[in-house]
């Protein structure tokens, strides 16, 4: 199975939530959708964590590398 990008995974997750909220599914289908949704949520969380790590900026200070979050640096 090919790995989806974040946006595709979020769309799929939103579709699952909508289906579960409708309440038209039987118990077995609901459990399967819930499991699928949990897997997608975990994938999305992992993608966000990776993106956050990529956004981390390395600054050289006194010959040493210092990590600073992008959010902290956006004012400068």
N, C-alpha and C. Protein backbone atom coordinates (compact mmCIF):
# COMPACT_ATOMS: atom_id res chain seq x y z
N UNK A 1 0.84 -1.19 0.00
CA UNK A 1 0.00 0.00 0.00
C UNK A 1 0.88 1.24 0.00
N UNK A 2 0.62 2.17 -0.91
CA UNK A 2 1.44 3.37 -0.97
C UNK A 2 1.09 4.32 0.16
N UNK A 3 2.11 5.04 0.64
CA UNK A 3 1.90 5.96 1.74
C UNK A 3 1.28 7.25 1.22
N UNK A 4 0.23 7.69 1.89
CA UNK A 4 -0.47 8.90 1.50
C UNK A 4 0.21 10.11 2.11
N UNK A 5 -0.02 11.27 1.50
CA UNK A 5 0.51 12.47 2.11
C UNK A 5 -0.44 12.92 3.22
N UNK A 6 -0.04 13.92 3.96
CA UNK A 6 -0.79 14.37 5.13
C UNK A 6 -2.21 14.79 4.75
N UNK A 7 -2.34 15.56 3.69
CA UNK A 7 -3.65 16.07 3.30
C UNK A 7 -4.61 14.94 2.91
N UNK A 8 -4.10 13.97 2.16
CA UNK A 8 -4.93 12.82 1.78
C UNK A 8 -5.37 12.03 3.01
N UNK A 9 -4.43 11.83 3.93
CA UNK A 9 -4.74 11.08 5.15
C UNK A 9 -5.78 11.82 5.98
N UNK A 10 -5.67 13.14 6.08
CA UNK A 10 -6.65 13.91 6.84
C UNK A 10 -8.03 13.85 6.19
N UNK A 11 -8.07 13.90 4.86
CA UNK A 11 -9.36 13.79 4.17
C UNK A 11 -10.00 12.44 4.44
N UNK A 12 -9.20 11.38 4.39
CA UNK A 12 -9.72 10.04 4.67
C UNK A 12 -10.21 9.94 6.12
N UNK A 13 -9.47 10.54 7.03
CA UNK A 13 -9.86 10.53 8.43
C UNK A 13 -11.16 11.28 8.65
N UNK A 14 -11.31 12.43 7.99
CA UNK A 14 -12.55 13.20 8.10
C UNK A 14 -13.75 12.42 7.54
N UNK A 15 -13.51 11.67 6.45
CA UNK A 15 -14.57 10.85 5.86
C UNK A 15 -15.01 9.76 6.84
N UNK A 16 -14.04 9.14 7.51
CA UNK A 16 -14.35 8.10 8.48
C UNK A 16 -15.14 8.68 9.66
N UNK A 17 -14.73 9.82 10.13
CA UNK A 17 -15.43 10.46 11.25
C UNK A 17 -16.88 10.76 10.86
N UNK A 18 -17.08 11.26 9.66
CA UNK A 18 -18.43 11.55 9.18
C UNK A 18 -19.27 10.28 9.12
N UNK A 19 -18.70 9.21 8.61
CA UNK A 19 -19.42 7.93 8.53
C UNK A 19 -19.79 7.42 9.91
N UNK A 20 -18.87 7.53 10.86
CA UNK A 20 -19.14 7.07 12.22
C UNK A 20 -20.19 7.94 12.89
N UNK A 21 -20.16 9.25 12.65
CA UNK A 21 -21.12 10.15 13.26
C UNK A 21 -22.54 9.94 12.74
N UNK A 22 -22.68 9.49 11.49
CA UNK A 22 -24.00 9.24 10.93
C UNK A 22 -24.72 8.13 11.69
N UNK A 23 -23.96 7.15 12.13
CA UNK A 23 -24.55 6.05 12.89
C UNK A 23 -25.24 5.01 12.04
N UNK A 24 -24.99 5.00 10.73
CA UNK A 24 -25.62 4.05 9.82
C UNK A 24 -24.90 2.70 9.75
N UNK A 25 -23.73 2.61 10.33
CA UNK A 25 -22.93 1.39 10.23
C UNK A 25 -23.29 0.42 11.34
N UNK A 26 -23.18 -0.88 11.04
CA UNK A 26 -23.39 -1.85 12.12
C UNK A 26 -22.13 -1.87 13.00
N UNK A 27 -22.19 -2.63 14.07
CA UNK A 27 -21.10 -2.64 15.04
C UNK A 27 -19.77 -3.07 14.42
N UNK A 28 -19.78 -4.15 13.63
CA UNK A 28 -18.54 -4.62 13.01
C UNK A 28 -17.94 -3.57 12.08
N UNK A 29 -18.78 -2.94 11.26
CA UNK A 29 -18.30 -1.90 10.36
C UNK A 29 -17.77 -0.70 11.14
N UNK A 30 -18.46 -0.34 12.21
CA UNK A 30 -18.02 0.78 13.04
C UNK A 30 -16.66 0.51 13.65
N UNK A 31 -16.45 -0.70 14.14
CA UNK A 31 -15.16 -1.05 14.75
C UNK A 31 -14.06 -1.01 13.70
N UNK A 32 -14.33 -1.53 12.51
CA UNK A 32 -13.33 -1.51 11.43
C UNK A 32 -12.98 -0.07 11.05
N UNK A 33 -14.00 0.78 10.93
CA UNK A 33 -13.77 2.19 10.59
C UNK A 33 -12.99 2.88 11.69
N UNK A 34 -13.33 2.56 12.94
CA UNK A 34 -12.62 3.16 14.07
C UNK A 34 -11.15 2.77 14.04
N UNK A 35 -10.87 1.48 13.80
CA UNK A 35 -9.48 1.00 13.73
C UNK A 35 -8.74 1.70 12.60
N UNK A 36 -9.39 1.82 11.45
CA UNK A 36 -8.77 2.50 10.31
C UNK A 36 -8.50 3.96 10.65
N UNK A 37 -9.45 4.59 11.32
CA UNK A 37 -9.27 5.99 11.73
C UNK A 37 -8.13 6.17 12.70
N UNK A 38 -7.99 5.23 13.64
CA UNK A 38 -6.89 5.32 14.60
C UNK A 38 -5.53 5.18 13.90
N UNK A 39 -5.45 4.28 12.92
CA UNK A 39 -4.21 4.13 12.15
C UNK A 39 -3.89 5.41 11.39
N UNK A 40 -4.90 6.00 10.77
CA UNK A 40 -4.69 7.25 10.03
C UNK A 40 -4.28 8.38 10.97
N UNK A 41 -4.91 8.45 12.14
CA UNK A 41 -4.57 9.50 13.11
C UNK A 41 -3.11 9.35 13.55
N UNK A 42 -2.68 8.12 13.76
CA UNK A 42 -1.29 7.88 14.16
C UNK A 42 -0.32 8.28 13.05
N UNK A 43 -0.68 7.93 11.79
CA UNK A 43 0.16 8.31 10.65
C UNK A 43 0.27 9.84 10.55
N UNK A 44 -0.87 10.51 10.71
CA UNK A 44 -0.87 11.97 10.63
C UNK A 44 -0.01 12.57 11.74
N UNK A 45 -0.13 12.03 12.94
CA UNK A 45 0.68 12.51 14.05
C UNK A 45 2.16 12.32 13.77
N UNK A 46 2.53 11.16 13.22
CA UNK A 46 3.93 10.90 12.88
C UNK A 46 4.43 11.88 11.82
N UNK A 47 3.58 12.16 10.82
CA UNK A 47 3.97 13.11 9.78
C UNK A 47 4.17 14.51 10.36
N UNK A 48 3.30 14.90 11.29
CA UNK A 48 3.45 16.21 11.93
C UNK A 48 4.71 16.29 12.75
N UNK A 49 5.03 15.21 13.47
CA UNK A 49 6.26 15.19 14.26
C UNK A 49 7.49 15.31 13.38
N UNK A 50 7.48 14.60 12.23
CA UNK A 50 8.61 14.68 11.30
C UNK A 50 8.74 16.09 10.74
N UNK A 51 7.61 16.69 10.39
CA UNK A 51 7.64 18.05 9.85
C UNK A 51 8.17 19.03 10.90
N UNK A 52 7.77 18.84 12.15
CA UNK A 52 8.24 19.72 13.22
C UNK A 52 9.75 19.61 13.37
N UNK A 53 10.27 18.39 13.26
CA UNK A 53 11.72 18.20 13.37
C UNK A 53 12.45 18.86 12.21
N UNK A 54 11.85 18.82 11.02
CA UNK A 54 12.47 19.45 9.86
C UNK A 54 12.50 20.96 9.99
N UNK A 55 11.51 21.50 10.68
CA UNK A 55 11.40 22.95 10.84
C UNK A 55 12.42 23.48 11.85
N UNK A 56 12.92 22.58 12.67
CA UNK A 56 13.92 22.99 13.66
C UNK A 56 15.12 23.61 12.96
N UNK A 57 15.55 24.73 13.46
CA UNK A 57 16.67 25.45 12.84
C UNK A 57 17.92 25.26 13.70
N UNK A 58 19.01 24.94 13.01
CA UNK A 58 20.29 24.82 13.70
C UNK A 58 21.04 26.14 13.58
N UNK A 59 21.40 26.69 14.70
CA UNK A 59 22.16 27.94 14.73
C UNK A 59 23.55 27.67 15.29
N UNK A 60 24.53 28.36 14.73
CA UNK A 60 25.87 28.22 15.26
C UNK A 60 26.10 29.34 16.26
N UNK A 61 26.45 28.94 17.48
CA UNK A 61 26.66 29.91 18.55
C UNK A 61 27.94 29.54 19.28
N UNK A 62 28.93 30.42 19.24
CA UNK A 62 30.21 30.19 19.91
C UNK A 62 30.84 28.86 19.49
N UNK A 63 30.73 28.53 18.21
CA UNK A 63 31.34 27.31 17.71
C UNK A 63 30.55 26.04 17.97
N UNK A 64 29.43 26.15 18.67
CA UNK A 64 28.60 24.99 18.95
C UNK A 64 27.25 25.14 18.26
N UNK A 65 26.65 24.02 17.93
CA UNK A 65 25.33 24.05 17.32
C UNK A 65 24.26 24.10 18.40
N UNK A 66 23.31 24.97 18.20
CA UNK A 66 22.20 25.10 19.14
C UNK A 66 20.90 24.94 18.38
N UNK A 67 20.02 24.09 18.86
CA UNK A 67 18.73 23.91 18.22
C UNK A 67 17.74 24.94 18.75
N UNK A 68 17.02 25.52 17.81
CA UNK A 68 15.97 26.47 18.19
C UNK A 68 14.76 26.17 17.34
N UNK A 69 13.58 26.18 17.95
CA UNK A 69 12.36 25.92 17.20
C UNK A 69 12.08 27.07 16.25
N UNK A 70 11.51 26.74 15.10
CA UNK A 70 11.16 27.74 14.10
C UNK A 70 10.24 28.81 14.67
N UNK A 71 9.31 28.42 15.49
CA UNK A 71 8.34 29.34 16.07
C UNK A 71 9.04 30.41 16.91
N UNK A 72 10.08 30.03 17.63
CA UNK A 72 10.82 30.97 18.47
C UNK A 72 11.55 32.00 17.61
N UNK A 73 11.95 31.61 16.39
CA UNK A 73 12.75 32.47 15.55
C UNK A 73 11.94 33.30 14.57
N UNK A 74 10.64 33.15 14.49
CA UNK A 74 9.90 33.82 13.44
C UNK A 74 9.76 35.32 13.66
N UNK A 75 10.16 35.83 14.81
CA UNK A 75 10.11 37.27 15.07
C UNK A 75 11.38 37.97 14.61
N UNK A 76 12.41 37.20 14.29
CA UNK A 76 13.67 37.83 13.90
C UNK A 76 13.91 37.71 12.43
